[in-house]
Amino acid sequence: MPRVEHADPPSEPVPYEAKSISVFEIDGAVEKRYCQCLCLMAKLFLDHKTLYYDISSFLFYVLTEDTKTGTVIVGYFSKVFPPVLTPS
């Protein structure tokens, strides 16, 4: 898999920032490669992690910290998009 060339996560930070901590909301359908890499990184630590191909229906929240050497991912979580209700 090619290296992801992002210094920061590929989105704007959500309106939470505290000193050197930022939170980014990333749409799995828009930034598929970046979110797949996040899932594969988590799979290194979790044996039961299976989500890394069908990520288009998930939002990813990435917590980063600004250090002297650059921006570092501290953690992330994902959640399913709220279902779109269509009138019947």
PDB file of N, CA and C in Angstrom:
ATOM      1  N   MET A   1       0.849  -1.170   0.000  1.00  0.00           N
ATOM      2  CA  MET A   1       0.000   0.000   0.000  1.00  0.00           C
ATOM      3  C   MET A   1       0.897   1.237   0.000  1.00  0.00           C
ATOM      4  N   PRO A   2       0.627   2.241  -0.850  1.00  0.00           N
ATOM      5  CA  PRO A   2       1.475   3.423  -0.912  1.00  0.00           C
ATOM      6  C   PRO A   2       1.392   4.246   0.372  1.00  0.00           C
ATOM      7  N   ARG A   3       2.429   4.977   0.631  1.00  0.00           N
ATOM      8  CA  ARG A   3       2.493   5.821   1.825  1.00  0.00           C
ATOM      9  C   ARG A   3       1.508   6.974   1.704  1.00  0.00           C
ATOM     10  N   VAL A   4       0.816   7.282   2.781  1.00  0.00           N
ATOM     11  CA  VAL A   4      -0.115   8.409   2.810  1.00  0.00           C
ATOM     12  C   VAL A   4       0.686   9.672   3.067  1.00  0.00           C
ATOM     13  N   GLU A   5       0.562  10.649   2.203  1.00  0.00           N
ATOM     14  CA  GLU A   5       1.359  11.871   2.286  1.00  0.00           C
ATOM     15  C   GLU A   5       0.552  13.019   2.899  1.00  0.00           C
ATOM     16  N   HIS A   6       0.176  12.889   4.164  1.00  0.00           N
ATOM     17  CA  HIS A   6      -0.546  13.956   4.859  1.00  0.00           C
ATOM     18  C   HIS A   6       0.224  14.325   6.121  1.00  0.00           C
ATOM     19  N   ALA A   7       0.488  15.602   6.315  1.00  0.00           N
ATOM     20  CA  ALA A   7       1.088  16.046   7.567  1.00  0.00           C
ATOM     21  C   ALA A   7       0.013  16.081   8.652  1.00  0.00           C
ATOM     22  N   ASP A   8      -1.162  16.543   8.304  1.00  0.00           N
ATOM     23  CA  ASP A   8      -2.316  16.564   9.189  1.00  0.00           C
ATOM     24  C   ASP A   8      -3.371  15.653   8.579  1.00  0.00           C
ATOM     25  N   PRO A   9      -4.362  15.230   9.375  1.00  0.00           N
ATOM     26  CA  PRO A   9      -5.469  14.488   8.767  1.00  0.00           C
ATOM     27  C   PRO A   9      -6.132  15.321   7.671  1.00  0.00           C
ATOM     28  N   PRO A  10      -6.664  14.666   6.646  1.00  0.00           N
ATOM     29  CA  PRO A  10      -7.180  15.382   5.466  1.00  0.00           C
ATOM     30  C   PRO A  10      -8.555  15.999   5.676  1.00  0.00           C
ATOM     31  N   SER A  11      -8.698  16.859   6.659  1.00  0.00           N
ATOM     32  CA  SER A  11      -9.946  17.589   6.874  1.00  0.00           C
ATOM     33  C   SER A  11      -9.646  18.778   7.759  1.00  0.00           C
ATOM     34  N   GLU A  12     -10.644  19.603   7.967  1.00  0.00           N
ATOM     35  CA  GLU A  12     -10.505  20.728   8.890  1.00  0.00           C
ATOM     36  C   GLU A  12     -10.797  20.241  10.304  1.00  0.00           C
ATOM     37  N   PRO A  13     -10.137  20.813  11.300  1.00  0.00           N
ATOM     38  CA  PRO A  13     -10.429  20.384  12.671  1.00  0.00           C
ATOM     39  C   PRO A  13     -11.849  20.768  13.076  1.00  0.00           C
ATOM     40  N   VAL A  14     -12.462  19.935  13.904  1.00  0.00           N
ATOM     41  CA  VAL A  14     -13.775  20.280  14.455  1.00  0.00           C
ATOM     42  C   VAL A  14     -13.554  21.378  15.488  1.00  0.00           C
ATOM     43  N   PRO A  15     -14.603  22.069  15.900  1.00  0.00           N
ATOM     44  CA  PRO A  15     -14.416  23.230  16.773  1.00  0.00           C
ATOM     45  C   PRO A  15     -13.939  22.910  18.189  1.00  0.00           C
ATOM     46  N   TYR A  16     -13.107  21.906  18.354  1.00  0.00           N
ATOM     47  CA  TYR A  16     -12.501  21.638  19.655  1.00  0.00           C
ATOM     48  C   TYR A  16     -10.995  21.720  19.497  1.00  0.00           C
ATOM     49  N   GLU A  17     -10.401  22.630  20.190  1.00  0.00           N
ATOM     50  CA  GLU A  17      -8.944  22.697  20.218  1.00  0.00           C
ATOM     51  C   GLU A  17      -8.519  23.136  21.597  1.00  0.00           C
ATOM     52  N   ALA A  18      -7.549  22.463  22.148  1.00  0.00           N
ATOM     53  CA  ALA A  18      -7.014  22.806  23.454  1.00  0.00           C
ATOM     54  C   ALA A  18      -5.494  22.762  23.374  1.00  0.00           C
ATOM     55  N   LYS A  19      -4.878  23.929  23.408  1.00  0.00           N
ATOM     56  CA  LYS A  19      -3.423  24.057  23.321  1.00  0.00           C
ATOM     57  C   LYS A  19      -2.887  23.299  22.106  1.00  0.00           C
ATOM     58  N   SER A  20      -2.275  22.154  22.314  1.00  0.00           N
ATOM     59  CA  SER A  20      -1.646  21.434  21.204  1.00  0.00           C
ATOM     60  C   SER A  20      -2.479  20.246  20.728  1.00  0.00           C
ATOM     61  N   ILE A  21      -3.730  20.107  21.197  1.00  0.00           N
ATOM     62  CA  ILE A  21      -4.596  18.977  20.841  1.00  0.00           C
ATOM     63  C   ILE A  21      -5.651  19.434  19.832  1.00  0.00           C
ATOM     64  N   SER A  22      -5.857  18.647  18.781  1.00  0.00           N
ATOM     65  CA  SER A  22      -6.899  18.924  17.795  1.00  0.00           C
ATOM     66  C   SER A  22      -7.670  17.651  17.497  1.00  0.00           C
ATOM     67  N   VAL A  23      -8.934  17.805  17.108  1.00  0.00           N
ATOM     68  CA  VAL A  23      -9.781  16.678  16.710  1.00  0.00           C
ATOM     69  C   VAL A  23     -10.232  16.932  15.280  1.00  0.00           C
ATOM     70  N   PHE A  24     -10.100  15.913  14.433  1.00  0.00           N
ATOM     71  CA  PHE A  24     -10.503  16.018  13.038  1.00  0.00           C
ATOM     72  C   PHE A  24     -11.614  15.013  12.757  1.00  0.00           C
ATOM     73  N   GLU A  25     -12.644  15.443  12.029  1.00  0.00           N
ATOM     74  CA  GLU A  25     -13.705  14.534  11.586  1.00  0.00           C
ATOM     75  C   GLU A  25     -13.437  14.216  10.117  1.00  0.00           C
ATOM     76  N   ILE A  26     -13.325  12.924   9.802  1.00  0.00           N
ATOM     77  CA  ILE A  26     -12.984  12.507   8.443  1.00  0.00           C
ATOM     78  C   ILE A  26     -14.055  11.559   7.937  1.00  0.00           C
ATOM     79  N   ASP A  27     -14.572  11.840   6.759  1.00  0.00           N
ATOM     80  CA  ASP A  27     -15.597  11.015   6.120  1.00  0.00           C
ATOM     81  C   ASP A  27     -14.911   9.851   5.405  1.00  0.00           C
ATOM     82  N   GLY A  28     -15.273   8.626   5.772  1.00  0.00           N
ATOM     83  CA  GLY A  28     -14.678   7.443   5.164  1.00  0.00           C
ATOM     84  C   GLY A  28     -14.965   7.314   3.681  1.00  0.00           C
ATOM     85  N   ALA A  29     -16.079   7.879   3.217  1.00  0.00           N
ATOM     86  CA  ALA A  29     -16.407   7.818   1.789  1.00  0.00           C
ATOM     87  C   ALA A  29     -15.555   8.787   0.982  1.00  0.00           C
ATOM     88  N   VAL A  30     -15.131   9.874   1.586  1.00  0.00           N
ATOM     89  CA  VAL A  30     -14.358  10.898   0.881  1.00  0.00           C
ATOM     90  C   VAL A  30     -12.860  10.590   0.941  1.00  0.00           C
ATOM     91  N   GLU A  31     -12.368  10.239   2.113  1.00  0.00           N
ATOM     92  CA  GLU A  31     -10.937   9.964   2.310  1.00  0.00           C
ATOM     93  C   GLU A  31     -10.718   8.471   2.586  1.00  0.00           C
ATOM     94  N   LYS A  32     -11.062   7.663   1.583  1.00  0.00           N
ATOM     95  CA  LYS A  32     -11.048   6.215   1.748  1.00  0.00           C
ATOM     96  C   LYS A  32      -9.658   5.671   2.092  1.00  0.00           C
ATOM     97  N   ARG A  33      -8.645   6.078   1.376  1.00  0.00           N
ATOM     98  CA  ARG A  33      -7.292   5.550   1.597  1.00  0.00           C
ATOM     99  C   ARG A  33      -6.785   5.886   2.999  1.00  0.00           C
ATOM    100  N   TYR A  34      -6.982   7.134   3.418  1.00  0.00           N
ATOM    101  CA  TYR A  34      -6.523   7.560   4.739  1.00  0.00           C
ATOM    102  C   TYR A  34      -7.212   6.748   5.833  1.00  0.00           C
ATOM    103  N   CYS A  35      -8.531   6.552   5.707  1.00  0.00           N
ATOM    104  CA  CYS A  35      -9.287   5.806   6.726  1.00  0.00           C
ATOM    105  C   CYS A  35      -8.932   4.317   6.705  1.00  0.00           C
ATOM    106  N   GLN A  36      -8.659   3.765   5.541  1.00  0.00           N
ATOM    107  CA  GLN A  36      -8.205   2.370   5.478  1.00  0.00           C
ATOM    108  C   GLN A  36      -6.876   2.211   6.210  1.00  0.00           C
ATOM    109  N   CYS A  37      -5.983   3.177   6.039  1.00  0.00           N
ATOM    110  CA  CYS A  37      -4.694   3.113   6.726  1.00  0.00           C
ATOM    111  C   CYS A  37      -4.870   3.215   8.235  1.00  0.00           C
ATOM    112  N   LEU A  38      -5.812   4.046   8.695  1.00  0.00           N
ATOM    113  CA  LEU A  38      -6.098   4.113  10.132  1.00  0.00           C
ATOM    114  C   LEU A  38      -6.553   2.752  10.655  1.00  0.00           C
ATOM    115  N   CYS A  39      -7.454   2.112   9.919  1.00  0.00           N
ATOM    116  CA  CYS A  39      -7.972   0.810  10.344  1.00  0.00           C
ATOM    117  C   CYS A  39      -6.889  -0.261  10.336  1.00  0.00           C
ATOM    118  N   LEU A  40      -6.036  -0.229   9.333  1.00  0.00           N
ATOM    119  CA  LEU A  40      -4.952  -1.209   9.277  1.00  0.00           C
ATOM    120  C   LEU A  40      -3.941  -0.986  10.402  1.00  0.00           C
ATOM    121  N   MET A  41      -3.716   0.275  10.769  1.00  0.00           N
ATOM    122  CA  MET A  41      -2.834   0.555  11.892  1.00  0.00           C
ATOM    123  C   MET A  41      -3.437   0.000  13.187  1.00  0.00           C
ATOM    124  N   ALA A  42      -4.742   0.165  13.372  1.00  0.00           N
ATOM    125  CA  ALA A  42      -5.407  -0.362  14.571  1.00  0.00           C
ATOM    126  C   ALA A  42      -5.372  -1.884  14.588  1.00  0.00           C
ATOM    127  N   LYS A  43      -5.405  -2.495  13.415  1.00  0.00           N
ATOM    128  CA  LYS A  43      -5.374  -3.957  13.330  1.00  0.00           C
ATOM    129  C   LYS A  43      -4.055  -4.531  13.870  1.00  0.00           C
ATOM    130  N   LEU A  44      -3.002  -3.731  13.879  1.00  0.00           N
ATOM    131  CA  LEU A  44      -1.733  -4.170  14.470  1.00  0.00           C
ATOM    132  C   LEU A  44      -1.873  -4.446  15.970  1.00  0.00           C
ATOM    133  N   PHE A  45      -2.832  -3.769  16.609  1.00  0.00           N
ATOM    134  CA  PHE A  45      -2.985  -3.870  18.053  1.00  0.00           C
ATOM    135  C   PHE A  45      -4.221  -4.654  18.477  1.00  0.00           C
ATOM    136  N   LEU A  46      -5.183  -4.831  17.563  1.00  0.00           N
ATOM    137  CA  LEU A  46      -6.439  -5.509  17.879  1.00  0.00           C
ATOM    138  C   LEU A  46      -6.622  -6.704  16.952  1.00  0.00           C
ATOM    139  N   ASP A  47      -6.664  -7.895  17.500  1.00  0.00           N
ATOM    140  CA  ASP A  47      -6.827  -9.098  16.675  1.00  0.00           C
ATOM    141  C   ASP A  47      -8.189  -9.174  16.004  1.00  0.00           C
ATOM    142  N   HIS A  48      -9.210  -8.639  16.653  1.00  0.00           N
ATOM    143  CA  HIS A  48     -10.570  -8.788  16.134  1.00  0.00           C
ATOM    144  C   HIS A  48     -11.017  -7.624  15.246  1.00  0.00           C
ATOM    145  N   LYS A  49     -10.125  -6.702  14.927  1.00  0.00           N
ATOM    146  CA  LYS A  49     -10.469  -5.569  14.068  1.00  0.00           C
ATOM    147  C   LYS A  49     -10.651  -6.075  12.637  1.00  0.00           C
ATOM    148  N   THR A  50     -11.877  -5.954  12.111  1.00  0.00           N
ATOM    149  CA  THR A  50     -12.148  -6.464  10.764  1.00  0.00           C
ATOM    150  C   THR A  50     -12.518  -5.366   9.776  1.00  0.00           C
ATOM    151  N   LEU A  51     -12.861  -4.186  10.260  1.00  0.00           N
ATOM    152  CA  LEU A  51     -13.304  -3.112   9.381  1.00  0.00           C
ATOM    153  C   LEU A  51     -12.103  -2.408   8.762  1.00  0.00           C
ATOM    154  N   TYR A  52     -11.860  -2.610   7.490  1.00  0.00           N
ATOM    155  CA  TYR A  52     -10.883  -1.785   6.786  1.00  0.00           C
ATOM    156  C   TYR A  52     -11.136  -1.732   5.290  1.00  0.00           C
ATOM    157  N   TYR A  53     -12.153  -2.415   4.795  1.00  0.00           N
ATOM    158  CA  TYR A  53     -12.486  -2.299   3.374  1.00  0.00           C
ATOM    159  C   TYR A  53     -13.753  -1.482   3.168  1.00  0.00           C
ATOM    160  N   ASP A  54     -14.824  -1.824   3.846  1.00  0.00           N
ATOM    161  CA  ASP A  54     -16.099  -1.134   3.662  1.00  0.00           C
ATOM    162  C   ASP A  54     -16.212  -0.010   4.686  1.00  0.00           C
ATOM    163  N   ILE A  55     -15.540   1.083   4.447  1.00  0.00           N
ATOM    164  CA  ILE A  55     -15.516   2.182   5.405  1.00  0.00           C
ATOM    165  C   ILE A  55     -16.322   3.379   4.951  1.00  0.00           C
ATOM    166  N   SER A  56     -16.997   3.280   3.825  1.00  0.00           N
ATOM    167  CA  SER A  56     -17.692   4.438   3.259  1.00  0.00           C
ATOM    168  C   SER A  56     -18.869   4.906   4.105  1.00  0.00           C
ATOM    169  N   SER A  57     -19.379   4.084   4.998  1.00  0.00           N
ATOM    170  CA  SER A  57     -20.515   4.494   5.824  1.00  0.00           C
ATOM    171  C   SER A  57     -20.082   4.908   7.235  1.00  0.00           C
ATOM    172  N   PHE A  58     -18.802   5.227   7.409  1.00  0.00           N
ATOM    173  CA  PHE A  58     -18.292   5.580   8.727  1.00  0.00           C
ATOM    174  C   PHE A  58     -17.684   6.977   8.745  1.00  0.00           C
ATOM    175  N   LEU A  59     -17.807   7.619   9.888  1.00  0.00           N
ATOM    176  CA  LEU A  59     -17.084   8.853  10.184  1.00  0.00           C
ATOM    177  C   LEU A  59     -15.938   8.490  11.120  1.00  0.00           C
ATOM    178  N   PHE A  60     -14.779   9.064  10.889  1.00  0.00           N
ATOM    179  CA  PHE A  60     -13.612   8.810  11.716  1.00  0.00           C
ATOM    180  C   PHE A  60     -13.249  10.110  12.435  1.00  0.00           C
ATOM    181  N   TYR A  61     -12.983   9.997  13.717  1.00  0.00           N
ATOM    182  CA  TYR A  61     -12.552  11.135  14.522  1.00  0.00           C
ATOM    183  C   TYR A  61     -11.121  10.866  14.962  1.00  0.00           C
ATOM    184  N   VAL A  62     -10.210  11.732  14.544  1.00  0.00           N
ATOM    185  CA  VAL A  62      -8.782  11.545  14.804  1.00  0.00           C
ATOM    186  C   VAL A  62      -8.318  12.622  15.781  1.00  0.00           C
ATOM    187  N   LEU A  63      -7.709  12.176  16.871  1.00  0.00           N
ATOM    188  CA  LEU A  63      -7.154  13.067  17.882  1.00  0.00           C
ATOM    189  C   LEU A  63      -5.664  13.220  17.600  1.00  0.00           C
ATOM    190  N   THR A  64      -5.202  14.456  17.440  1.00  0.00           N
ATOM    191  CA  THR A  64      -3.792  14.702  17.151  1.00  0.00           C
ATOM    192  C   THR A  64      -3.186  15.635  18.193  1.00  0.00           C
ATOM    193  N   GLU A  65      -1.877  15.566  18.290  1.00  0.00           N
ATOM    194  CA  GLU A  65      -1.140  16.460  19.178  1.00  0.00           C
ATOM    195  C   GLU A  65      -0.003  17.090  18.384  1.00  0.00           C
ATOM    196  N   ASP A  66       0.145  18.395  18.522  1.00  0.00           N
ATOM    197  CA  ASP A  66       1.256  19.102  17.876  1.00  0.00           C
ATOM    198  C   ASP A  66       2.477  19.019  18.772  1.00  0.00           C
ATOM    199  N   THR A  67       3.559  18.469  18.234  1.00  0.00           N
ATOM    200  CA  THR A  67       4.805  18.348  18.982  1.00  0.00           C
ATOM    201  C   THR A  67       5.893  19.148  18.277  1.00  0.00           C
ATOM    202  N   LYS A  68       7.084  19.127  18.814  1.00  0.00           N
ATOM    203  CA  LYS A  68       8.210  19.835  18.194  1.00  0.00           C
ATOM    204  C   LYS A  68       8.572  19.242  16.845  1.00  0.00           C
ATOM    205  N   THR A  69       8.314  17.938  16.670  1.00  0.00           N
ATOM    206  CA  THR A  69       8.662  17.271  15.411  1.00  0.00           C
ATOM    207  C   THR A  69       7.519  17.264  14.402  1.00  0.00           C
ATOM    208  N   GLY A  70       6.331  17.734  14.778  1.00  0.00           N
ATOM    209  CA  GLY A  70       5.195  17.773  13.860  1.00  0.00           C
ATOM    210  C   GLY A  70       3.922  17.273  14.528  1.00  0.00           C
ATOM    211  N   THR A  71       2.913  17.029  13.725  1.00  0.00           N
ATOM    212  CA  THR A  71       1.628  16.557  14.215  1.00  0.00           C
ATOM    213  C   THR A  71       1.657  15.042  14.355  1.00  0.00           C
ATOM    214  N   VAL A  72       1.196  14.541  15.495  1.00  0.00           N
ATOM    215  CA  VAL A  72       1.219  13.116  15.793  1.00  0.00           C
ATOM    216  C   VAL A  72      -0.200  12.641  16.090  1.00  0.00           C
ATOM    217  N   ILE A  73      -0.591  11.504  15.501  1.00  0.00           N
ATOM    218  CA  ILE A  73      -1.897  10.912  15.811  1.00  0.00           C
ATOM    219  C   ILE A  73      -1.803  10.262  17.184  1.00  0.00           C
ATOM    220  N   VAL A  74      -2.703  10.663  18.072  1.00  0.00           N
ATOM    221  CA  VAL A  74      -2.727  10.130  19.423  1.00  0.00           C
ATOM    222  C   VAL A  74      -3.750   8.995  19.523  1.00  0.00           C
ATOM    223  N   GLY A  75      -4.843   9.112  18.784  1.00  0.00           N
ATOM    224  CA  GLY A  75      -5.869   8.082  18.798  1.00  0.00           C
ATOM    225  C   GLY A  75      -6.964   8.412  17.809  1.00  0.00           C
ATOM    226  N   TYR A  76      -7.886   7.467  17.640  1.00  0.00           N
ATOM    227  CA  TYR A  76      -9.034   7.708  16.766  1.00  0.00           C
ATOM    228  C   TYR A  76     -10.162   6.773  17.153  1.00  0.00           C
ATOM    229  N   PHE A  77     -11.366   7.120  16.732  1.00  0.00           N
ATOM    230  CA  PHE A  77     -12.489   6.192  16.804  1.00  0.00           C
ATOM    231  C   PHE A  77     -13.365   6.427  15.595  1.00  0.00           C
ATOM    232  N   SER A  78     -14.210   5.478  15.319  1.00  0.00           N
ATOM    233  CA  SER A  78     -15.105   5.596  14.168  1.00  0.00           C
ATOM    234  C   SER A  78     -16.519   5.282  14.613  1.00  0.00           C
ATOM    235  N   LYS A  79     -17.470   5.832  13.872  1.00  0.00           N
ATOM    236  CA  LYS A  79     -18.876   5.531  14.130  1.00  0.00           C
ATOM    237  C   LYS A  79     -19.618   5.515  12.804  1.00  0.00           C
ATOM    238  N   VAL A  80     -20.708   4.786  12.778  1.00  0.00           N
ATOM    239  CA  VAL A  80     -21.523   4.668  11.570  1.00  0.00           C
ATOM    240  C   VAL A  80     -22.266   5.974  11.358  1.00  0.00           C
ATOM    241  N   PHE A  81     -22.357   6.389  10.080  1.00  0.00           N
ATOM    242  CA  PHE A  81     -23.172   7.535   9.743  1.00  0.00           C
ATOM    243  C   PHE A  81     -24.580   7.336  10.266  1.00  0.00           C
ATOM    244  N   PRO A  82     -25.235   8.407  10.689  1.00  0.00           N
ATOM    245  CA  PRO A  82     -26.656   8.251  11.014  1.00  0.00           C
ATOM    246  C   PRO A  82     -27.418   7.856   9.750  1.00  0.00           C
ATOM    247  N   PRO A  83     -28.354   6.929   9.867  1.00  0.00           N
ATOM    248  CA  PRO A  83     -29.086   6.505   8.668  1.00  0.00           C
ATOM    249  C   PRO A  83     -29.923   7.664   8.099  1.00  0.00           C
ATOM    250  N   VAL A  84     -29.989   7.708   6.784  1.00  0.00           N
ATOM    251  CA  VAL A  84     -30.799   8.714   6.110  1.00  0.00           C
ATOM    252  C   VAL A  84     -32.221   8.168   6.018  1.00  0.00           C
ATOM    253  N   LEU A  85     -33.148   8.891   6.614  1.00  0.00           N
ATOM    254  CA  LEU A  85     -34.546   8.466   6.590  1.00  0.00           C
ATOM    255  C   LEU A  85     -35.239   9.052   5.375  1.00  0.00           C
ATOM    256  N   THR A  86     -35.867   8.200   4.597  1.00  0.00           N
ATOM    257  CA  THR A  86     -36.606   8.652   3.428  1.00  0.00           C
ATOM    258  C   THR A  86     -38.089   8.488   3.705  1.00  0.00           C
ATOM    259  N   PRO A  87     -38.877   9.484   3.336  1.00  0.00           N
ATOM    260  CA  PRO A  87     -40.322   9.362   3.578  1.00  0.00           C
ATOM    261  C   PRO A  87     -40.913   8.236   2.724  1.00  0.00           C
ATOM    262  N   SER A  88     -41.809   7.492   3.313  1.00  0.00           N
ATOM    263  CA  SER A  88     -42.424   6.389   2.557  1.00  0.00           C
ATOM    264  C   SER A  88     -43.768   6.738   2.002  1.00  0.00           C
TER     265      SER A  88
END
